Amino acid sequence: MQNMHEDGFDHIFIRVVEAGSLRAVAIELGIDPSSVSRKVTALEDRLQAKLLRRSTKRSIPTEAGRRYYEGVRRLVDERMALEADVAGLLDDPRGKLRIGAPVDFGARFVAPVIAKLLHDAPDLDIELVLGSRFDNLTEAGLDIVVRIGRLSDSSLIARKVAEVPRVIVASAEYADMHGLPEHPSELGDHPFVFYRGGQRRLPLTLSHGKKRQSAEVTGRVAANSVTAIKQLVLGSAGLHQGPLWAFEKEVSSGRMRVVLPDWAADAFPLYLVRPQTPYLPAKVREFSDRFARAAAAEPSLE
């Protein structure tokens, strides 16, 4: 049977894999890097297997290390969930909850849900991690992630909570100076502001009833921030296809206009995704339910 000493070695190994370096774990735990290295070496000696490829900056798991990490991580998660069950935590949100979300969307829609949850759950601490890439939720230490768009990772548990409608917008100043397209075939005559860097061409598909029309648009500027894109569009840098919620105030005030309002772009699905675990902690369930209700009540989401 594994003793407590060995269990501590497993914990150190898990943290090294997830943090990516011995030094990062040493700083996190407030111990000397050589101590972390000795614990990992002792674990390798016990298993008689090389678990990490180490360098001065990075520690990358070997094939054996990756397999051991995935197994022991699963065991740790199951034990934590069992302890939570026994302690009654499944009915009482507490501990630390780490949530991932896109930057602008998270600030607009996720933060208000967190604020109310904190008020109602005094034993819960929450960290909101804003970004666009959470390839491995476990390695990132995230309990749940808000994700927009189609999912590709079938190992995650996903809950669809809404859809994000998209529109094409232009500034009123741009419209007055250059006019606006009256048909999707005319979109290619106007410059576009793109969301992803490096894009210079992008096919757009719009629907009008049963009709679907595609057009290829071009542009010379891109930004990975909705806030920055909004300023670029207001500065007449071009048209942009993006989420309705990001531009509704400017459209309502007349500073922006919706291009081809009778033609609709496909909406993006909005999901809550989380790692597969045998138990669902109350902190995750409570946030998930609250966010789903908030999304359902939001007029700019479907």
C-alpha atoms as a PDB file:
ATOM      1  CA  MET A   1       0.000   0.000   0.000  1.00  0.00           C
ATOM      2  CA  GLN A   2       1.252   3.481  -0.824  1.00  0.00           C
ATOM      3  CA  ASN A   3       2.247   5.410   2.283  1.00  0.00           C
ATOM      4  CA  MET A   4       1.881   9.131   2.938  1.00  0.00           C
ATOM      5  CA  HIS A   5       5.493   9.784   2.027  1.00  0.00           C
ATOM      6  CA  GLU A   6       5.035   8.260  -1.408  1.00  0.00           C
ATOM      7  CA  ASP A   7       1.741  10.089  -1.841  1.00  0.00           C
ATOM      8  CA  GLY A   8       3.621  13.356  -1.329  1.00  0.00           C
ATOM      9  CA  PHE A   9       6.029  12.377  -4.104  1.00  0.00           C
ATOM     10  CA  ASP A  10       3.060  11.815  -6.419  1.00  0.00           C
ATOM     11  CA  HIS A  11       1.707  15.258  -5.550  1.00  0.00           C
ATOM     12  CA  ILE A  12       5.069  16.870  -6.356  1.00  0.00           C
ATOM     13  CA  PHE A  13       5.251  14.998  -9.670  1.00  0.00           C
ATOM     14  CA  ILE A  14       1.733  16.111 -10.623  1.00  0.00           C
ATOM     15  CA  ARG A  15       2.571  19.723  -9.900  1.00  0.00           C
ATOM     16  CA  VAL A  16       5.825  19.554 -11.925  1.00  0.00           C
ATOM     17  CA  VAL A  17       3.966  18.206 -14.964  1.00  0.00           C
ATOM     18  CA  GLU A  18       1.232  20.819 -14.674  1.00  0.00           C
ATOM     19  CA  ALA A  19       3.579  23.733 -13.963  1.00  0.00           C
ATOM     20  CA  GLY A  20       6.130  22.639 -16.562  1.00  0.00           C
ATOM     21  CA  SER A  21       9.254  23.080 -14.459  1.00  0.00           C
ATOM     22  CA  LEU A  22      10.878  22.068 -11.189  1.00  0.00           C
ATOM     23  CA  ARG A  23      11.660  25.685 -10.350  1.00  0.00           C
ATOM     24  CA  ALA A  24       8.040  26.808 -10.688  1.00  0.00           C
ATOM     25  CA  VAL A  25       6.913  24.129  -8.230  1.00  0.00           C
ATOM     26  CA  ALA A  26       9.708  25.004  -5.824  1.00  0.00           C
ATOM     27  CA  ILE A  27       8.598  28.648  -5.826  1.00  0.00           C
ATOM     28  CA  GLU A  28       4.961  27.603  -5.409  1.00  0.00           C
ATOM     29  CA  LEU A  29       5.749  25.399  -2.408  1.00  0.00           C
ATOM     30  CA  GLY A  30       8.433  27.651  -0.924  1.00  0.00           C
ATOM     31  CA  ILE A  31      11.155  24.989  -1.006  1.00  0.00           C
ATOM     32  CA  ASP A  32      14.520  24.559  -2.702  1.00  0.00           C
ATOM     33  CA  PRO A  33      14.464  23.326  -6.358  1.00  0.00           C
ATOM     34  CA  SER A  34      16.943  20.601  -5.432  1.00  0.00           C
ATOM     35  CA  SER A  35      14.407  19.229  -2.954  1.00  0.00           C
ATOM     36  CA  VAL A  36      11.798  18.979  -5.711  1.00  0.00           C
ATOM     37  CA  SER A  37      14.341  17.258  -7.948  1.00  0.00           C
ATOM     38  CA  ARG A  38      15.207  14.714  -5.255  1.00  0.00           C
ATOM     39  CA  LYS A  39      11.550  13.828  -4.721  1.00  0.00           C
ATOM     40  CA  VAL A  40      11.016  13.268  -8.435  1.00  0.00           C
ATOM     41  CA  THR A  41      14.180  11.168  -8.618  1.00  0.00           C
ATOM     42  CA  ALA A  42      13.008   9.085  -5.666  1.00  0.00           C
ATOM     43  CA  LEU A  43       9.702   8.482  -7.435  1.00  0.00           C
ATOM     44  CA  GLU A  44      11.532   7.430 -10.611  1.00  0.00           C
ATOM     45  CA  ASP A  45      13.715   5.069  -8.573  1.00  0.00           C
ATOM     46  CA  ARG A  46      10.650   3.516  -6.944  1.00  0.00           C
ATOM     47  CA  LEU A  47       8.941   3.011 -10.300  1.00  0.00           C
ATOM     48  CA  GLN A  48      12.196   2.148 -12.084  1.00  0.00           C
ATOM     49  CA  ALA A  49      11.174   4.404 -14.959  1.00  0.00           C
ATOM     50  CA  LYS A  50      12.287   7.755 -16.355  1.00  0.00           C
ATOM     51  CA  LEU A  51       9.334  10.109 -15.873  1.00  0.00           C
ATOM     52  CA  LEU A  52      10.698  13.516 -16.900  1.00  0.00           C
ATOM     53  CA  ARG A  53      13.033  14.996 -19.493  1.00  0.00           C
ATOM     54  CA  ARG A  54      14.593  17.864 -17.574  1.00  0.00           C
ATOM     55  CA  SER A  55      16.322  21.036 -18.699  1.00  0.00           C
ATOM     56  CA  THR A  56      17.162  24.278 -16.926  1.00  0.00           C
ATOM     57  CA  LYS A  57      13.850  25.829 -17.995  1.00  0.00           C
ATOM     58  CA  ARG A  58      11.409  23.012 -18.752  1.00  0.00           C
ATOM     59  CA  SER A  59      10.503  19.550 -17.473  1.00  0.00           C
ATOM     60  CA  ILE A  60       8.560  17.495 -20.001  1.00  0.00           C
ATOM     61  CA  PRO A  61       7.050  14.105 -19.168  1.00  0.00           C
ATOM     62  CA  THR A  62       8.300  11.059 -21.041  1.00  0.00           C
ATOM     63  CA  GLU A  63       5.806   8.596 -22.475  1.00  0.00           C
ATOM     64  CA  ALA A  64       5.960   6.666 -19.197  1.00  0.00           C
ATOM     65  CA  GLY A  65       5.684   9.937 -17.265  1.00  0.00           C
ATOM     66  CA  ARG A  66       2.621  11.024 -19.214  1.00  0.00           C
ATOM     67  CA  ARG A  67       0.931   7.675 -18.592  1.00  0.00           C
ATOM     68  CA  TYR A  68       1.762   7.773 -14.884  1.00  0.00           C
ATOM     69  CA  TYR A  69       0.598  11.393 -14.605  1.00  0.00           C
ATOM     70  CA  GLU A  70      -2.771  10.679 -16.214  1.00  0.00           C
ATOM     71  CA  GLY A  71      -3.350   7.676 -13.948  1.00  0.00           C
ATOM     72  CA  VAL A  72      -2.286   9.277 -10.684  1.00  0.00           C
ATOM     73  CA  ARG A  73      -4.095  12.541 -11.566  1.00  0.00           C
ATOM     74  CA  ARG A  74      -7.287  10.569 -12.046  1.00  0.00           C
ATOM     75  CA  LEU A  75      -6.804   8.806  -8.708  1.00  0.00           C
ATOM     76  CA  VAL A  76      -6.187  12.109  -6.927  1.00  0.00           C
ATOM     77  CA  ASP A  77      -9.298  13.655  -8.478  1.00  0.00           C
ATOM     78  CA  GLU A  78     -11.399  10.653  -7.488  1.00  0.00           C
ATOM     79  CA  ARG A  79     -10.069  10.747  -3.937  1.00  0.00           C
ATOM     80  CA  MET A  80     -10.726  14.490  -3.639  1.00  0.00           C
ATOM     81  CA  ALA A  81     -14.253  13.997  -4.938  1.00  0.00           C
ATOM     82  CA  LEU A  82     -14.822  11.153  -2.489  1.00  0.00           C
ATOM     83  CA  GLU A  83     -13.519  13.251   0.389  1.00  0.00           C
ATOM     84  CA  ALA A  84     -15.810  16.069  -0.722  1.00  0.00           C
ATOM     85  CA  ASP A  85     -18.726  13.660  -0.783  1.00  0.00           C
ATOM     86  CA  VAL A  86     -17.970  12.380   2.707  1.00  0.00           C
ATOM     87  CA  ALA A  87     -17.455  15.890   4.049  1.00  0.00           C
ATOM     88  CA  GLY A  88     -20.724  17.077   2.532  1.00  0.00           C
ATOM     89  CA  LEU A  89     -19.072  19.468   0.106  1.00  0.00           C
ATOM     90  CA  LEU A  90     -21.223  18.263  -2.771  1.00  0.00           C
ATOM     91  CA  ASP A  91     -24.107  20.169  -1.209  1.00  0.00           C
ATOM     92  CA  ASP A  92     -22.166  23.201  -0.012  1.00  0.00           C
ATOM     93  CA  PRO A  93     -19.974  25.232  -2.434  1.00  0.00           C
ATOM     94  CA  ARG A  94     -16.597  25.802  -0.798  1.00  0.00           C
ATOM     95  CA  GLY A  95     -12.900  25.605  -1.485  1.00  0.00           C
ATOM     96  CA  LYS A  96     -11.397  27.182  -4.606  1.00  0.00           C
ATOM     97  CA  LEU A  97     -13.094  27.315  -7.992  1.00  0.00           C
ATOM     98  CA  ARG A  98     -11.007  28.169 -11.087  1.00  0.00           C
ATOM     99  CA  ILE A  99     -13.012  29.269 -14.123  1.00  0.00           C
ATOM    100  CA  GLY A 100     -11.663  29.873 -17.631  1.00  0.00           C
ATOM    101  CA  ALA A 101     -13.390  32.162 -20.136  1.00  0.00           C
ATOM    102  CA  PRO A 102     -12.677  34.312 -23.220  1.00  0.00           C
ATOM    103  CA  VAL A 103     -11.335  37.729 -22.220  1.00  0.00           C
ATOM    104  CA  ASP A 104     -14.087  40.148 -23.264  1.00  0.00           C
ATOM    105  CA  PHE A 105     -16.947  37.676 -22.922  1.00  0.00           C
ATOM    106  CA  GLY A 106     -15.752  36.636 -19.467  1.00  0.00           C
ATOM    107  CA  ALA A 107     -15.553  40.212 -18.253  1.00  0.00           C
ATOM    108  CA  ARG A 108     -19.031  40.983 -19.588  1.00  0.00           C
ATOM    109  CA  PHE A 109     -21.002  37.840 -18.722  1.00  0.00           C
ATOM    110  CA  VAL A 110     -19.034  35.624 -16.327  1.00  0.00           C
ATOM    111  CA  ALA A 111     -17.801  38.179 -13.793  1.00  0.00           C
ATOM    112  CA  PRO A 112     -21.343  39.273 -12.736  1.00  0.00           C
ATOM    113  CA  VAL A 113     -22.308  35.637 -12.094  1.00  0.00           C
ATOM    114  CA  ILE A 114     -19.186  35.192  -9.973  1.00  0.00           C
ATOM    115  CA  ALA A 115     -19.948  38.325  -7.945  1.00  0.00           C
ATOM    116  CA  LYS A 116     -23.389  37.003  -6.967  1.00  0.00           C
ATOM    117  CA  LEU A 117     -22.049  33.519  -6.255  1.00  0.00           C
ATOM    118  CA  LEU A 118     -19.399  34.923  -3.902  1.00  0.00           C
ATOM    119  CA  HIS A 119     -22.114  36.758  -1.995  1.00  0.00           C
ATOM    120  CA  ASP A 120     -24.139  33.569  -1.518  1.00  0.00           C
ATOM    121  CA  ALA A 121     -21.219  31.184  -0.851  1.00  0.00           C
ATOM    122  CA  PRO A 122     -18.993  32.692   1.869  1.00  0.00           C
ATOM    123  CA  ASP A 123     -16.730  29.597   2.019  1.00  0.00           C
ATOM    124  CA  LEU A 124     -15.892  29.717  -1.699  1.00  0.00           C
ATOM    125  CA  ASP A 125     -12.860  31.372  -3.330  1.00  0.00           C
ATOM    126  CA  ILE A 126     -12.961  31.956  -7.102  1.00  0.00           C
ATOM    127  CA  GLU A 127     -10.288  32.699  -9.683  1.00  0.00           C
ATOM    128  CA  LEU A 128     -11.400  33.811 -13.160  1.00  0.00           C
ATOM    129  CA  VAL A 129      -8.720  33.033 -15.755  1.00  0.00           C
ATOM    130  CA  LEU A 130      -9.313  34.998 -18.965  1.00  0.00           C
ATOM    131  CA  GLY A 131      -7.859  33.751 -22.233  1.00  0.00           C
ATOM    132  CA  SER A 132      -8.655  32.002 -25.493  1.00  0.00           C
ATOM    133  CA  ARG A 133      -6.654  28.771 -25.274  1.00  0.00           C
ATOM    134  CA  PHE A 134      -7.292  26.150 -22.626  1.00  0.00           C
ATOM    135  CA  ASP A 135      -6.171  23.007 -24.439  1.00  0.00           C
ATOM    136  CA  ASN A 136      -5.869  20.873 -21.305  1.00  0.00           C
ATOM    137  CA  LEU A 137      -8.161  21.834 -18.455  1.00  0.00           C
ATOM    138  CA  THR A 138      -6.478  19.525 -15.963  1.00  0.00           C
ATOM    139  CA  GLU A 139      -2.979  20.802 -16.670  1.00  0.00           C
ATOM    140  CA  ALA A 140      -4.285  24.378 -16.516  1.00  0.00           C
ATOM    141  CA  GLY A 141      -5.858  23.599 -13.134  1.00  0.00           C
ATOM    142  CA  LEU A 142      -9.312  24.713 -14.281  1.00  0.00           C
ATOM    143  CA  ASP A 143     -12.533  23.308 -12.867  1.00  0.00           C
ATOM    144  CA  ILE A 144     -14.779  24.607 -15.648  1.00  0.00           C
ATOM    145  CA  VAL A 145     -14.401  26.677 -18.815  1.00  0.00           C
ATOM    146  CA  VAL A 146     -16.795  28.865 -20.796  1.00  0.00           C
ATOM    147  CA  ARG A 147     -16.163  28.075 -24.458  1.00  0.00           C
ATOM    148  CA  ILE A 148     -17.621  29.623 -27.619  1.00  0.00           C
ATOM    149  CA  GLY A 149     -17.641  27.639 -30.849  1.00  0.00           C
ATOM    150  CA  ARG A 150     -17.673  24.022 -31.903  1.00  0.00           C
ATOM    151  CA  LEU A 151     -16.018  21.484 -29.620  1.00  0.00           C
ATOM    152  CA  SER A 152     -13.385  18.992 -30.705  1.00  0.00           C
ATOM    153  CA  ASP A 153     -12.291  17.370 -27.437  1.00  0.00           C
ATOM    154  CA  SER A 154     -14.698  14.502 -26.730  1.00  0.00           C
ATOM    155  CA  SER A 155     -12.993  13.716 -23.407  1.00  0.00           C
ATOM    156  CA  LEU A 156     -14.654  16.738 -21.791  1.00  0.00           C
ATOM    157  CA  ILE A 157     -18.150  16.954 -20.361  1.00  0.00           C
ATOM    158  CA  ALA A 158     -19.975  19.727 -22.218  1.00  0.00           C
ATOM    159  CA  ARG A 159     -23.201  21.558 -21.421  1.00  0.00           C
ATOM    160  CA  LYS A 160     -24.632  23.811 -24.111  1.00  0.00           C
ATOM    161  CA  VAL A 161     -26.224  26.838 -22.483  1.00  0.00           C
ATOM    162  CA  ALA A 162     -26.927  29.250 -25.347  1.00  0.00           C
ATOM    163  CA  GLU A 163     -25.908  30.448 -28.787  1.00  0.00           C
ATOM    164  CA  VAL A 164     -24.011  33.619 -29.644  1.00  0.00           C
ATOM    165  CA  PRO A 165     -25.605  35.487 -32.589  1.00  0.00           C
ATOM    166  CA  ARG A 166     -23.221  37.256 -34.957  1.00  0.00           C
ATOM    167  CA  VAL A 167     -23.658  40.330 -37.117  1.00  0.00           C
ATOM    168  CA  ILE A 168     -21.624  42.345 -39.599  1.00  0.00           C
ATOM    169  CA  VAL A 169     -21.113  45.924 -38.461  1.00  0.00           C
ATOM    170  CA  ALA A 170     -19.622  49.141 -39.814  1.00  0.00           C
ATOM    171  CA  SER A 171     -19.243  52.562 -38.283  1.00  0.00           C
ATOM    172  CA  ALA A 172     -21.797  55.202 -39.244  1.00  0.00           C
ATOM    173  CA  GLU A 173     -18.909  57.335 -40.493  1.00  0.00           C
ATOM    174  CA  TYR A 174     -17.700  54.537 -42.771  1.00  0.00           C
ATOM    175  CA  ALA A 175     -21.236  54.020 -44.085  1.00  0.00           C
ATOM    176  CA  ASP A 176     -21.609  57.713 -44.888  1.00  0.00           C
ATOM    177  CA  MET A 177     -18.231  57.833 -46.659  1.00  0.00           C
ATOM    178  CA  HIS A 178     -18.280  54.555 -48.596  1.00  0.00           C
ATOM    179  CA  GLY A 179     -21.821  53.201 -48.502  1.00  0.00           C
ATOM    180  CA  LEU A 180     -22.734  49.693 -47.365  1.00  0.00           C
ATOM    181  CA  PRO A 181     -23.249  46.438 -49.273  1.00  0.00           C
ATOM    182  CA  GLU A 182     -26.812  45.693 -50.311  1.00  0.00           C
ATOM    183  CA  HIS A 183     -26.118  42.030 -51.124  1.00  0.00           C
ATOM    184  CA  PRO A 184     -23.568  39.496 -49.783  1.00  0.00           C
ATOM    185  CA  SER A 185     -21.860  39.452 -53.190  1.00  0.00           C
ATOM    186  CA  GLU A 186     -20.774  43.054 -52.529  1.00  0.00           C
ATOM    187  CA  LEU A 187     -18.984  42.294 -49.235  1.00  0.00           C
ATOM    188  CA  GLY A 188     -15.710  41.646 -51.060  1.00  0.00           C
ATOM    189  CA  ASP A 189     -15.640  45.298 -52.136  1.00  0.00           C
ATOM    190  CA  HIS A 190     -15.082  46.435 -48.543  1.00  0.00           C
ATOM    191  CA  PRO A 191     -12.124  45.941 -46.179  1.00  0.00           C
ATOM    192  CA  PHE A 192     -12.664  43.836 -43.061  1.00  0.00           C
ATOM    193  CA  VAL A 193     -11.205  43.838 -39.568  1.00  0.00           C
ATOM    194  CA  PHE A 194     -10.385  40.266 -38.513  1.00  0.00           C
ATOM    195  CA  TYR A 195     -10.309  38.660 -35.083  1.00  0.00           C
ATOM    196  CA  ARG A 196      -7.402  36.283 -35.623  1.00  0.00           C
ATOM    197  CA  GLY A 197      -3.939  37.588 -36.415  1.00  0.00           C
ATOM    198  CA  GLY A 198      -2.488  36.702 -39.799  1.00  0.00           C
ATOM    199  CA  GLN A 199      -5.862  36.520 -41.545  1.00  0.00           C
ATOM    200  CA  ARG A 200      -6.025  38.398 -44.824  1.00  0.00           C
ATOM    201  CA  ARG A 201      -8.876  36.468 -46.394  1.00  0.00           C
ATOM    202  CA  LEU A 202     -11.964  34.926 -44.863  1.00  0.00           C
ATOM    203  CA  PRO A 203     -15.008  33.215 -46.404  1.00  0.00           C
ATOM    204  CA  LEU A 204     -18.308  34.423 -44.954  1.00  0.00           C
ATOM    205  CA  THR A 205     -21.609  32.585 -45.344  1.00  0.00           C
ATOM    206  CA  LEU A 206     -24.936  34.296 -44.711  1.00  0.00           C
ATOM    207  CA  SER A 207     -28.496  33.003 -44.766  1.00  0.00           C
ATOM    208  CA  HIS A 208     -31.763  34.607 -45.850  1.00  0.00           C
ATOM    209  CA  GLY A 209     -34.591  32.169 -45.338  1.00  0.00           C
ATOM    210  CA  LYS A 210     -33.550  29.054 -47.265  1.00  0.00           C
ATOM    211  CA  LYS A 211     -30.980  30.945 -49.322  1.00  0.00           C
ATOM    212  CA  ARG A 212     -27.298  30.737 -48.393  1.00  0.00           C
ATOM    213  CA  GLN A 213     -24.717  33.023 -49.950  1.00  0.00           C
ATOM    214  CA  SER A 214     -20.935  32.890 -49.514  1.00  0.00           C
ATOM    215  CA  ALA A 215     -18.444  35.681 -50.101  1.00  0.00           C
ATOM    216  CA  GLU A 216     -14.710  36.009 -49.604  1.00  0.00           C
ATOM    217  CA  VAL A 217     -13.618  39.155 -47.814  1.00  0.00           C
ATOM    218  CA  THR A 218     -10.149  40.617 -47.295  1.00  0.00           C
ATOM    219  CA  GLY A 219      -8.512  42.954 -44.816  1.00  0.00           C
ATOM    220  CA  ARG A 220      -5.191  44.315 -43.594  1.00  0.00           C
ATOM    221  CA  VAL A 221      -5.732  44.480 -39.836  1.00  0.00           C
ATOM    222  CA  ALA A 222      -6.568  41.961 -37.121  1.00  0.00           C
ATOM    223  CA  ALA A 223      -6.823  42.025 -33.329  1.00  0.00           C
ATOM    224  CA  ASN A 224      -7.499  39.286 -30.768  1.00  0.00           C
ATOM    225  CA  SER A 225      -9.564  41.580 -28.548  1.00  0.00           C
ATOM    226  CA  VAL A 226     -13.208  42.483 -29.054  1.00  0.00           C
ATOM    227  CA  THR A 227     -12.554  45.823 -27.364  1.00  0.00           C
ATOM    228  CA  ALA A 228      -9.725  46.623 -29.795  1.00  0.00           C
ATOM    229  CA  ILE A 229     -11.800  45.506 -32.779  1.00  0.00           C
ATOM    230  CA  LYS A 230     -14.604  47.814 -31.681  1.00  0.00           C
ATOM    231  CA  GLN A 231     -12.228  50.783 -31.737  1.00  0.00           C
ATOM    232  CA  LEU A 232     -10.884  49.778 -35.152  1.00  0.00           C
ATOM    233  CA  VAL A 233     -14.385  49.577 -36.586  1.00  0.00           C
ATOM    234  CA  LEU A 234     -15.352  52.908 -35.019  1.00  0.00           C
ATOM    235  CA  GLY A 235     -12.201  54.332 -36.595  1.00  0.00           C
ATOM    236  CA  SER A 236     -13.504  53.230 -40.007  1.00  0.00           C
ATOM    237  CA  ALA A 237     -10.756  50.644 -40.523  1.00  0.00           C
ATOM    238  CA  GLY A 238     -13.357  48.357 -42.098  1.00  0.00           C
ATOM    239  CA  LEU A 239     -16.342  46.095 -41.532  1.00  0.00           C
ATOM    240  CA  HIS A 240     -16.336  43.273 -38.998  1.00  0.00           C
ATOM    241  CA  GLN A 241     -18.343  40.119 -38.410  1.00  0.00           C
ATOM    242  CA  GLY A 242     -18.563  39.484 -34.693  1.00  0.00           C
ATOM    243  CA  PRO A 243     -20.866  38.752 -31.743  1.00  0.00           C
ATOM    244  CA  LEU A 244     -23.998  40.867 -31.438  1.00  0.00           C
ATOM    245  CA  TRP A 245     -23.451  41.462 -27.716  1.00  0.00           C
ATOM    246  CA  ALA A 246     -20.166  43.284 -28.371  1.00  0.00           C
ATOM    247  CA  PHE A 247     -21.716  45.954 -30.598  1.00  0.00           C
ATOM    248  CA  GLU A 248     -25.318  46.316 -29.443  1.00  0.00           C
ATOM    249  CA  LYS A 249     -24.708  49.582 -27.557  1.00  0.00           C
ATOM    250  CA  GLU A 250     -22.961  51.215 -30.513  1.00  0.00           C
ATOM    251  CA  VAL A 251     -25.711  50.021 -32.872  1.00  0.00           C
ATOM    252  CA  SER A 252     -28.429  51.331 -30.531  1.00  0.00           C
ATOM    253  CA  SER A 253     -26.700  54.714 -30.249  1.00  0.00           C
ATOM    254  CA  GLY A 254     -26.249  55.000 -34.014  1.00  0.00           C
ATOM    255  CA  ARG A 255     -22.441  54.963 -33.925  1.00  0.00           C
ATOM    256  CA  MET A 256     -22.485  51.640 -35.783  1.00  0.00           C
ATOM    257  CA  ARG A 257     -24.823  50.096 -38.321  1.00  0.00           C
ATOM    258  CA  VAL A 258     -25.653  46.465 -38.959  1.00  0.00           C
ATOM    259  CA  VAL A 259     -24.677  45.477 -42.484  1.00  0.00           C
ATOM    260  CA  LEU A 260     -27.186  43.344 -44.442  1.00  0.00           C
ATOM    261  CA  PRO A 261     -29.641  43.087 -41.513  1.00  0.00           C
ATOM    262  CA  ASP A 262     -31.898  40.722 -43.490  1.00  0.00           C
ATOM    263  CA  TRP A 263     -29.055  38.214 -43.861  1.00  0.00           C
ATOM    264  CA  ALA A 264     -27.966  36.174 -40.834  1.00  0.00           C
ATOM    265  CA  ALA A 265     -24.595  34.644 -39.995  1.00  0.00           C
ATOM    266  CA  ASP A 266     -24.529  31.264 -38.258  1.00  0.00           C
ATOM    267  CA  ALA A 267     -24.555  31.673 -34.491  1.00  0.00           C
ATOM    268  CA  PHE A 268     -21.767  30.121 -32.401  1.00  0.00           C
ATOM    269  CA  PRO A 269     -22.732  27.625 -29.673  1.00  0.00           C
ATOM    270  CA  LEU A 270     -21.891  28.572 -26.081  1.00  0.00           C
ATOM    271  CA  TYR A 271     -20.733  25.728 -23.838  1.00  0.00           C
ATOM    272  CA  LEU A 272     -19.637  25.059 -20.304  1.00  0.00           C
ATOM    273  CA  VAL A 273     -16.983  22.340 -20.398  1.00  0.00           C
ATOM    274  CA  ARG A 274     -15.273  20.487 -17.563  1.00  0.00           C
ATOM    275  CA  PRO A 275     -13.036  17.455 -17.105  1.00  0.00           C
ATOM    276  CA  GLN A 276     -14.684  14.093 -16.603  1.00  0.00           C
ATOM    277  CA  THR A 277     -14.806  13.318 -12.878  1.00  0.00           C
ATOM    278  CA  PRO A 278     -16.761  10.675 -10.964  1.00  0.00           C
ATOM    279  CA  TYR A 279     -18.359  13.331  -8.733  1.00  0.00           C
ATOM    280  CA  LEU A 280     -19.596  16.835  -9.475  1.00  0.00           C
ATOM    281  CA  PRO A 281     -18.571  19.230  -6.671  1.00  0.00           C
ATOM    282  CA  ALA A 282     -21.171  21.733  -5.544  1.00  0.00           C
ATOM    283  CA  LYS A 283     -18.938  24.662  -6.485  1.00  0.00           C
ATOM    284  CA  VAL A 284     -18.876  23.548 -10.144  1.00  0.00           C
ATOM    285  CA  ARG A 285     -22.566  22.625 -10.241  1.00  0.00           C
ATOM    286  CA  GLU A 286     -23.628  25.904  -8.625  1.00  0.00           C
ATOM    287  CA  PHE A 287     -21.639  28.076 -11.035  1.00  0.00           C
ATOM    288  CA  SER A 288     -22.798  26.018 -14.022  1.00  0.00           C
ATOM    289  CA  ASP A 289     -26.473  26.365 -13.107  1.00  0.00           C
ATOM    290  CA  ARG A 290     -26.191  30.066 -12.335  1.00  0.00           C
ATOM    291  CA  PHE A 291     -24.345  30.848 -15.557  1.00  0.00           C
ATOM    292  CA  ALA A 292     -26.849  28.854 -17.622  1.00  0.00           C
ATOM    293  CA  ARG A 293     -29.726  30.850 -16.098  1.00  0.00           C
ATOM    294  CA  ALA A 294     -27.914  34.144 -16.694  1.00  0.00           C
ATOM    295  CA  ALA A 295     -27.213  33.230 -20.333  1.00  0.00           C
ATOM    296  CA  ALA A 296     -30.837  32.247 -20.903  1.00  0.00           C
ATOM    297  CA  ALA A 297     -31.985  35.637 -19.597  1.00  0.00           C
ATOM    298  CA  GLU A 298     -29.515  37.653 -21.707  1.00  0.00           C
ATOM    299  CA  PRO A 299     -31.243  39.307 -24.712  1.00  0.00           C
ATOM    300  CA  SER A 300     -28.035  39.389 -26.800  1.00  0.00           C
ATOM    301  CA  LEU A 301     -27.659  35.591 -26.521  1.00  0.00           C
ATOM    302  CA  GLU A 302     -30.022  32.934 -27.833  1.00  0.00           C
END
